[in-house]
Amino acid sequence: MADNGEQSAPIMAGSDDATNEQKITGILAQTRQDHSGQSLAIVLHNLRERFEQADVEVDDITLAKLAHEISEK
């Protein structure tokens, strides 16, 4: 866990075995938990970083759409 209270690495052994769909679902759930209602720039930055860390490719249009949905809550 990062110093600011955000989860920055998988908690459980075997979490690296997830499919891309499972990784995306998990990343979105965690980002909603951590950043719901925050600015679009913050959410976009964190989503991009988490997808890169998980080695999941998401195009910029989809990334922006997801960030917008999370930042509006």
PDB file of N, CA and C in Angstrom:
ATOM      1  N   MET A   1       0.844  -1.172   0.000  1.00  0.00           N
ATOM      2  CA  MET A   1       0.000   0.000   0.000  1.00  0.00           C
ATOM      3  C   MET A   1       0.891   1.238   0.000  1.00  0.00           C
ATOM      4  N   ALA A   2       0.513   2.244  -0.755  1.00  0.00           N
ATOM      5  CA  ALA A   2       1.272   3.481  -0.838  1.00  0.00           C
ATOM      6  C   ALA A   2       1.078   4.292   0.437  1.00  0.00           C
ATOM      7  N   ASP A   3       1.977   5.241   0.669  1.00  0.00           N
ATOM      8  CA  ASP A   3       1.917   6.066   1.867  1.00  0.00           C
ATOM      9  C   ASP A   3       0.625   6.871   1.971  1.00  0.00           C
ATOM     10  N   ASN A   4       0.009   7.193   0.852  1.00  0.00           N
ATOM     11  CA  ASN A   4      -1.201   8.006   0.879  1.00  0.00           C
ATOM     12  C   ASN A   4      -2.465   7.175   1.071  1.00  0.00           C
ATOM     13  N   GLY A   5      -2.332   5.896   1.391  1.00  0.00           N
ATOM     14  CA  GLY A   5      -3.475   5.046   1.666  1.00  0.00           C
ATOM     15  C   GLY A   5      -4.047   4.330   0.464  1.00  0.00           C
ATOM     16  N   GLU A   6      -3.486   4.579  -0.719  1.00  0.00           N
ATOM     17  CA  GLU A   6      -3.970   3.907  -1.919  1.00  0.00           C
ATOM     18  C   GLU A   6      -3.291   2.559  -2.080  1.00  0.00           C
ATOM     19  N   GLN A   7      -4.040   1.616  -2.581  1.00  0.00           N
ATOM     20  CA  GLN A   7      -3.478   0.306  -2.887  1.00  0.00           C
ATOM     21  C   GLN A   7      -2.623   0.447  -4.135  1.00  0.00           C
ATOM     22  N   SER A   8      -1.359   0.027  -4.062  1.00  0.00           N
ATOM     23  CA  SER A   8      -0.459   0.192  -5.199  1.00  0.00           C
ATOM     24  C   SER A   8       0.078  -1.130  -5.723  1.00  0.00           C
ATOM     25  N   ALA A   9      -0.321  -2.220  -5.116  1.00  0.00           N
ATOM     26  CA  ALA A   9       0.136  -3.538  -5.557  1.00  0.00           C
ATOM     27  C   ALA A   9      -0.930  -4.566  -5.188  1.00  0.00           C
ATOM     28  N   PRO A  10      -0.936  -5.688  -5.887  1.00  0.00           N
ATOM     29  CA  PRO A  10      -1.900  -6.739  -5.542  1.00  0.00           C
ATOM     30  C   PRO A  10      -1.735  -7.187  -4.096  1.00  0.00           C
ATOM     31  N   ILE A  11      -2.850  -7.439  -3.450  1.00  0.00           N
ATOM     32  CA  ILE A  11      -2.823  -7.852  -2.052  1.00  0.00           C
ATOM     33  C   ILE A  11      -2.615  -9.356  -1.919  1.00  0.00           C
ATOM     34  N   MET A  12      -3.239 -10.125  -2.785  1.00  0.00           N
ATOM     35  CA  MET A  12      -3.229 -11.568  -2.623  1.00  0.00           C
ATOM     36  C   MET A  12      -2.350 -12.258  -3.652  1.00  0.00           C
ATOM     37  N   ALA A  13      -1.727 -13.344  -3.235  1.00  0.00           N
ATOM     38  CA  ALA A  13      -0.959 -14.172  -4.161  1.00  0.00           C
ATOM     39  C   ALA A  13      -1.900 -14.708  -5.228  1.00  0.00           C
ATOM     40  N   GLY A  14      -1.419 -14.774  -6.457  1.00  0.00           N
ATOM     41  CA  GLY A  14      -2.242 -15.275  -7.548  1.00  0.00           C
ATOM     42  C   GLY A  14      -3.023 -14.191  -8.255  1.00  0.00           C
ATOM     43  N   SER A  15      -2.990 -12.970  -7.719  1.00  0.00           N
ATOM     44  CA  SER A  15      -3.760 -11.900  -8.349  1.00  0.00           C
ATOM     45  C   SER A  15      -3.205 -11.520  -9.713  1.00  0.00           C
ATOM     46  N   ASP A  16      -1.960 -11.882  -9.981  1.00  0.00           N
ATOM     47  CA  ASP A  16      -1.373 -11.621 -11.292  1.00  0.00           C
ATOM     48  C   ASP A  16      -1.889 -12.592 -12.342  1.00  0.00           C
ATOM     49  N   ASP A  17      -2.651 -13.609 -11.938  1.00  0.00           N
ATOM     50  CA  ASP A  17      -3.168 -14.616 -12.859  1.00  0.00           C
ATOM     51  C   ASP A  17      -4.511 -14.214 -13.471  1.00  0.00           C
ATOM     52  N   ALA A  18      -5.010 -13.049 -13.144  1.00  0.00           N
ATOM     53  CA  ALA A  18      -6.323 -12.613 -13.620  1.00  0.00           C
ATOM     54  C   ALA A  18      -6.306 -12.361 -15.124  1.00  0.00           C
ATOM     55  N   THR A  19      -7.467 -12.556 -15.752  1.00  0.00           N
ATOM     56  CA  THR A  19      -7.615 -12.229 -17.168  1.00  0.00           C
ATOM     57  C   THR A  19      -7.660 -10.707 -17.315  1.00  0.00           C
ATOM     58  N   ASN A  20      -7.505 -10.219 -18.542  1.00  0.00           N
ATOM     59  CA  ASN A  20      -7.595  -8.773 -18.763  1.00  0.00           C
ATOM     60  C   ASN A  20      -8.941  -8.226 -18.311  1.00  0.00           C
ATOM     61  N   GLU A  21     -10.013  -8.953 -18.594  1.00  0.00           N
ATOM     62  CA  GLU A  21     -11.345  -8.511 -18.184  1.00  0.00           C
ATOM     63  C   GLU A  21     -11.440  -8.406 -16.660  1.00  0.00           C
ATOM     64  N   GLN A  22     -10.889  -9.379 -15.958  1.00  0.00           N
ATOM     65  CA  GLN A  22     -10.897  -9.350 -14.496  1.00  0.00           C
ATOM     66  C   GLN A  22     -10.040  -8.201 -13.973  1.00  0.00           C
ATOM     67  N   LYS A  23      -8.904  -7.971 -14.616  1.00  0.00           N
ATOM     68  CA  LYS A  23      -8.037  -6.862 -14.211  1.00  0.00           C
ATOM     69  C   LYS A  23      -8.759  -5.530 -14.387  1.00  0.00           C
ATOM     70  N   ILE A  24      -9.409  -5.357 -15.535  1.00  0.00           N
ATOM     71  CA  ILE A  24     -10.130  -4.110 -15.803  1.00  0.00           C
ATOM     72  C   ILE A  24     -11.236  -3.900 -14.775  1.00  0.00           C
ATOM     73  N   THR A  25     -12.005  -4.945 -14.498  1.00  0.00           N
ATOM     74  CA  THR A  25     -13.077  -4.858 -13.511  1.00  0.00           C
ATOM     75  C   THR A  25     -12.523  -4.462 -12.148  1.00  0.00           C
ATOM     76  N   GLY A  26     -11.429  -5.080 -11.749  1.00  0.00           N
ATOM     77  CA  GLY A  26     -10.813  -4.774 -10.461  1.00  0.00           C
ATOM     78  C   GLY A  26     -10.253  -3.368 -10.392  1.00  0.00           C
ATOM     79  N   ILE A  27      -9.601  -2.944 -11.466  1.00  0.00           N
ATOM     80  CA  ILE A  27      -9.031  -1.596 -11.511  1.00  0.00           C
ATOM     81  C   ILE A  27     -10.140  -0.550 -11.419  1.00  0.00           C
ATOM     82  N   LEU A  28     -11.217  -0.764 -12.155  1.00  0.00           N
ATOM     83  CA  LEU A  28     -12.328   0.190 -12.113  1.00  0.00           C
ATOM     84  C   LEU A  28     -12.968   0.242 -10.730  1.00  0.00           C
ATOM     85  N   ALA A  29     -13.162  -0.909 -10.108  1.00  0.00           N
ATOM     86  CA  ALA A  29     -13.753  -0.947  -8.767  1.00  0.00           C
ATOM     87  C   ALA A  29     -12.865  -0.223  -7.759  1.00  0.00           C
ATOM     88  N   GLN A  30     -11.571  -0.482  -7.812  1.00  0.00           N
ATOM     89  CA  GLN A  30     -10.647   0.149  -6.868  1.00  0.00           C
ATOM     90  C   GLN A  30     -10.545   1.652  -7.117  1.00  0.00           C
ATOM     91  N   THR A  31     -10.533   2.045  -8.386  1.00  0.00           N
ATOM     92  CA  THR A  31     -10.454   3.470  -8.709  1.00  0.00           C
ATOM     93  C   THR A  31     -11.720   4.193  -8.272  1.00  0.00           C
ATOM     94  N   ARG A  32     -12.874   3.561  -8.451  1.00  0.00           N
ATOM     95  CA  ARG A  32     -14.126   4.156  -7.958  1.00  0.00           C
ATOM     96  C   ARG A  32     -14.061   4.347  -6.440  1.00  0.00           C
ATOM     97  N   GLN A  33     -13.546   3.353  -5.758  1.00  0.00           N
ATOM     98  CA  GLN A  33     -13.438   3.421  -4.302  1.00  0.00           C
ATOM     99  C   GLN A  33     -12.492   4.549  -3.871  1.00  0.00           C
ATOM    100  N   ASP A  34     -11.367   4.669  -4.555  1.00  0.00           N
ATOM    101  CA  ASP A  34     -10.337   5.639  -4.170  1.00  0.00           C
ATOM    102  C   ASP A  34     -10.620   7.060  -4.659  1.00  0.00           C
ATOM    103  N   HIS A  35     -11.254   7.203  -5.824  1.00  0.00           N
ATOM    104  CA  HIS A  35     -11.290   8.520  -6.470  1.00  0.00           C
ATOM    105  C   HIS A  35     -12.663   8.983  -6.939  1.00  0.00           C
ATOM    106  N   SER A  36     -13.723   8.319  -6.560  1.00  0.00           N
ATOM    107  CA  SER A  36     -15.064   8.719  -6.979  1.00  0.00           C
ATOM    108  C   SER A  36     -15.320  10.175  -6.604  1.00  0.00           C
ATOM    109  N   GLY A  37     -15.772  10.954  -7.585  1.00  0.00           N
ATOM    110  CA  GLY A  37     -16.088  12.350  -7.339  1.00  0.00           C
ATOM    111  C   GLY A  37     -14.911  13.300  -7.427  1.00  0.00           C
ATOM    112  N   GLN A  38     -13.699  12.793  -7.602  1.00  0.00           N
ATOM    113  CA  GLN A  38     -12.536  13.667  -7.738  1.00  0.00           C
ATOM    114  C   GLN A  38     -12.458  14.204  -9.161  1.00  0.00           C
ATOM    115  N   SER A  39     -11.545  15.119  -9.379  1.00  0.00           N
ATOM    116  CA  SER A  39     -11.446  15.758 -10.690  1.00  0.00           C
ATOM    117  C   SER A  39     -11.124  14.744 -11.784  1.00  0.00           C
ATOM    118  N   LEU A  40     -11.557  15.078 -12.982  1.00  0.00           N
ATOM    119  CA  LEU A  40     -11.310  14.228 -14.141  1.00  0.00           C
ATOM    120  C   LEU A  40      -9.815  13.991 -14.331  1.00  0.00           C
ATOM    121  N   ALA A  41      -9.001  15.013 -14.145  1.00  0.00           N
ATOM    122  CA  ALA A  41      -7.550  14.881 -14.334  1.00  0.00           C
ATOM    123  C   ALA A  41      -6.947  13.864 -13.369  1.00  0.00           C
ATOM    124  N   ILE A  42      -7.372  13.900 -12.122  1.00  0.00           N
ATOM    125  CA  ILE A  42      -6.853  12.961 -11.123  1.00  0.00           C
ATOM    126  C   ILE A  42      -7.276  11.537 -11.456  1.00  0.00           C
ATOM    127  N   VAL A  43      -8.551  11.360 -11.778  1.00  0.00           N
ATOM    128  CA  VAL A  43      -9.059  10.023 -12.101  1.00  0.00           C
ATOM    129  C   VAL A  43      -8.371   9.485 -13.348  1.00  0.00           C
ATOM    130  N   LEU A  44      -8.241  10.307 -14.369  1.00  0.00           N
ATOM    131  CA  LEU A  44      -7.597   9.888 -15.611  1.00  0.00           C
ATOM    132  C   LEU A  44      -6.152   9.474 -15.361  1.00  0.00           C
ATOM    133  N   HIS A  45      -5.428  10.267 -14.600  1.00  0.00           N
ATOM    134  CA  HIS A  45      -4.036   9.942 -14.272  1.00  0.00           C
ATOM    135  C   HIS A  45      -3.947   8.597 -13.545  1.00  0.00           C
ATOM    136  N   ASN A  46      -4.798   8.407 -12.559  1.00  0.00           N
ATOM    137  CA  ASN A  46      -4.739   7.172 -11.776  1.00  0.00           C
ATOM    138  C   ASN A  46      -5.170   5.952 -12.573  1.00  0.00           C
ATOM    139  N   LEU A  47      -6.190   6.092 -13.401  1.00  0.00           N
ATOM    140  CA  LEU A  47      -6.591   4.968 -14.254  1.00  0.00           C
ATOM    141  C   LEU A  47      -5.463   4.591 -15.204  1.00  0.00           C
ATOM    142  N   ARG A  48      -4.882   5.588 -15.860  1.00  0.00           N
ATOM    143  CA  ARG A  48      -3.794   5.328 -16.808  1.00  0.00           C
ATOM    144  C   ARG A  48      -2.634   4.600 -16.104  1.00  0.00           C
ATOM    145  N   GLU A  49      -2.283   5.079 -14.925  1.00  0.00           N
ATOM    146  CA  GLU A  49      -1.187   4.481 -14.158  1.00  0.00           C
ATOM    147  C   GLU A  49      -1.506   3.032 -13.767  1.00  0.00           C
ATOM    148  N   ARG A  50      -2.713   2.793 -13.303  1.00  0.00           N
ATOM    149  CA  ARG A  50      -3.090   1.445 -12.862  1.00  0.00           C
ATOM    150  C   ARG A  50      -3.164   0.465 -14.031  1.00  0.00           C
ATOM    151  N   PHE A  51      -3.690   0.919 -15.174  1.00  0.00           N
ATOM    152  CA  PHE A  51      -3.721   0.043 -16.345  1.00  0.00           C
ATOM    153  C   PHE A  51      -2.305  -0.278 -16.816  1.00  0.00           C
ATOM    154  N   GLU A  52      -1.415   0.708 -16.791  1.00  0.00           N
ATOM    155  CA  GLU A  52      -0.019   0.463 -17.178  1.00  0.00           C
ATOM    156  C   GLU A  52       0.636  -0.533 -16.227  1.00  0.00           C
ATOM    157  N   GLN A  53       0.418  -0.361 -14.927  1.00  0.00           N
ATOM    158  CA  GLN A  53       1.000  -1.268 -13.939  1.00  0.00           C
ATOM    159  C   GLN A  53       0.494  -2.693 -14.116  1.00  0.00           C
ATOM    160  N   ALA A  54      -0.755  -2.830 -14.533  1.00  0.00           N
ATOM    161  CA  ALA A  54      -1.355  -4.156 -14.724  1.00  0.00           C
ATOM    162  C   ALA A  54      -1.069  -4.712 -16.115  1.00  0.00           C
ATOM    163  N   ASP A  55      -0.365  -3.929 -16.934  1.00  0.00           N
ATOM    164  CA  ASP A  55      -0.028  -4.328 -18.304  1.00  0.00           C
ATOM    165  C   ASP A  55      -1.289  -4.601 -19.122  1.00  0.00           C
ATOM    166  N   VAL A  56      -2.280  -3.702 -18.968  1.00  0.00           N
ATOM    167  CA  VAL A  56      -3.542  -3.788 -19.696  1.00  0.00           C
ATOM    168  C   VAL A  56      -3.622  -2.574 -20.621  1.00  0.00           C
ATOM    169  N   GLU A  57      -3.807  -2.833 -21.914  1.00  0.00           N
ATOM    170  CA  GLU A  57      -3.910  -1.742 -22.880  1.00  0.00           C
ATOM    171  C   GLU A  57      -5.357  -1.279 -22.999  1.00  0.00           C
ATOM    172  N   VAL A  58      -5.559   0.020 -22.828  1.00  0.00           N
ATOM    173  CA  VAL A  58      -6.872   0.634 -22.988  1.00  0.00           C
ATOM    174  C   VAL A  58      -6.666   1.877 -23.846  1.00  0.00           C
ATOM    175  N   ASP A  59      -7.471   2.019 -24.907  1.00  0.00           N
ATOM    176  CA  ASP A  59      -7.290   3.173 -25.793  1.00  0.00           C
ATOM    177  C   ASP A  59      -7.706   4.461 -25.085  1.00  0.00           C
ATOM    178  N   ASP A  60      -7.202   5.586 -25.581  1.00  0.00           N
ATOM    179  CA  ASP A  60      -7.415   6.880 -24.934  1.00  0.00           C
ATOM    180  C   ASP A  60      -8.888   7.273 -24.844  1.00  0.00           C
ATOM    181  N   ILE A  61      -9.672   6.934 -25.852  1.00  0.00           N
ATOM    182  CA  ILE A  61     -11.098   7.287 -25.839  1.00  0.00           C
ATOM    183  C   ILE A  61     -11.826   6.533 -24.728  1.00  0.00           C
ATOM    184  N   THR A  62     -11.565   5.238 -24.621  1.00  0.00           N
ATOM    185  CA  THR A  62     -12.181   4.429 -23.563  1.00  0.00           C
ATOM    186  C   THR A  62     -11.712   4.899 -22.197  1.00  0.00           C
ATOM    187  N   LEU A  63     -10.428   5.178 -22.081  1.00  0.00           N
ATOM    188  CA  LEU A  63      -9.865   5.645 -20.818  1.00  0.00           C
ATOM    189  C   LEU A  63     -10.537   6.951 -20.376  1.00  0.00           C
ATOM    190  N   ALA A  64     -10.694   7.887 -21.296  1.00  0.00           N
ATOM    191  CA  ALA A  64     -11.333   9.164 -20.978  1.00  0.00           C
ATOM    192  C   ALA A  64     -12.789   8.961 -20.564  1.00  0.00           C
ATOM    193  N   LYS A  65     -13.489   8.078 -21.253  1.00  0.00           N
ATOM    194  CA  LYS A  65     -14.893   7.800 -20.929  1.00  0.00           C
ATOM    195  C   LYS A  65     -15.016   7.207 -19.522  1.00  0.00           C
ATOM    196  N   LEU A  66     -14.173   6.238 -19.203  1.00  0.00           N
ATOM    197  CA  LEU A  66     -14.203   5.612 -17.880  1.00  0.00           C
ATOM    198  C   LEU A  66     -13.868   6.625 -16.790  1.00  0.00           C
ATOM    199  N   ALA A  67     -12.857   7.447 -17.034  1.00  0.00           N
ATOM    200  CA  ALA A  67     -12.461   8.462 -16.053  1.00  0.00           C
ATOM    201  C   ALA A  67     -13.593   9.454 -15.823  1.00  0.00           C
ATOM    202  N   HIS A  68     -14.266   9.836 -16.886  1.00  0.00           N
ATOM    203  CA  HIS A  68     -15.378  10.775 -16.780  1.00  0.00           C
ATOM    204  C   HIS A  68     -16.500  10.178 -15.924  1.00  0.00           C
ATOM    205  N   GLU A  69     -16.826   8.912 -16.144  1.00  0.00           N
ATOM    206  CA  GLU A  69     -17.876   8.242 -15.363  1.00  0.00           C
ATOM    207  C   GLU A  69     -17.529   8.214 -13.878  1.00  0.00           C
ATOM    208  N   ILE A  70     -16.275   7.934 -13.565  1.00  0.00           N
ATOM    209  CA  ILE A  70     -15.855   7.839 -12.161  1.00  0.00           C
ATOM    210  C   ILE A  70     -15.816   9.220 -11.511  1.00  0.00           C
ATOM    211  N   SER A  71     -15.335  10.214 -12.235  1.00  0.00           N
ATOM    212  CA  SER A  71     -15.193  11.550 -11.646  1.00  0.00           C
ATOM    213  C   SER A  71     -16.543  12.215 -11.379  1.00  0.00           C
ATOM    214  N   GLU A  72     -17.584  11.804 -12.073  1.00  0.00           N
ATOM    215  CA  GLU A  72     -18.906  12.413 -11.902  1.00  0.00           C
ATOM    216  C   GLU A  72     -19.682  11.869 -10.713  1.00  0.00           C
ATOM    217  N   LYS A  73     -19.273  10.787 -10.128  1.00  0.00           N
ATOM    218  CA  LYS A  73     -20.045  10.155  -9.047  1.00  0.00           C
ATOM    219  C   LYS A  73     -19.885  10.900  -7.748  1.00  0.00           C
TER     220      LYS A  73
END
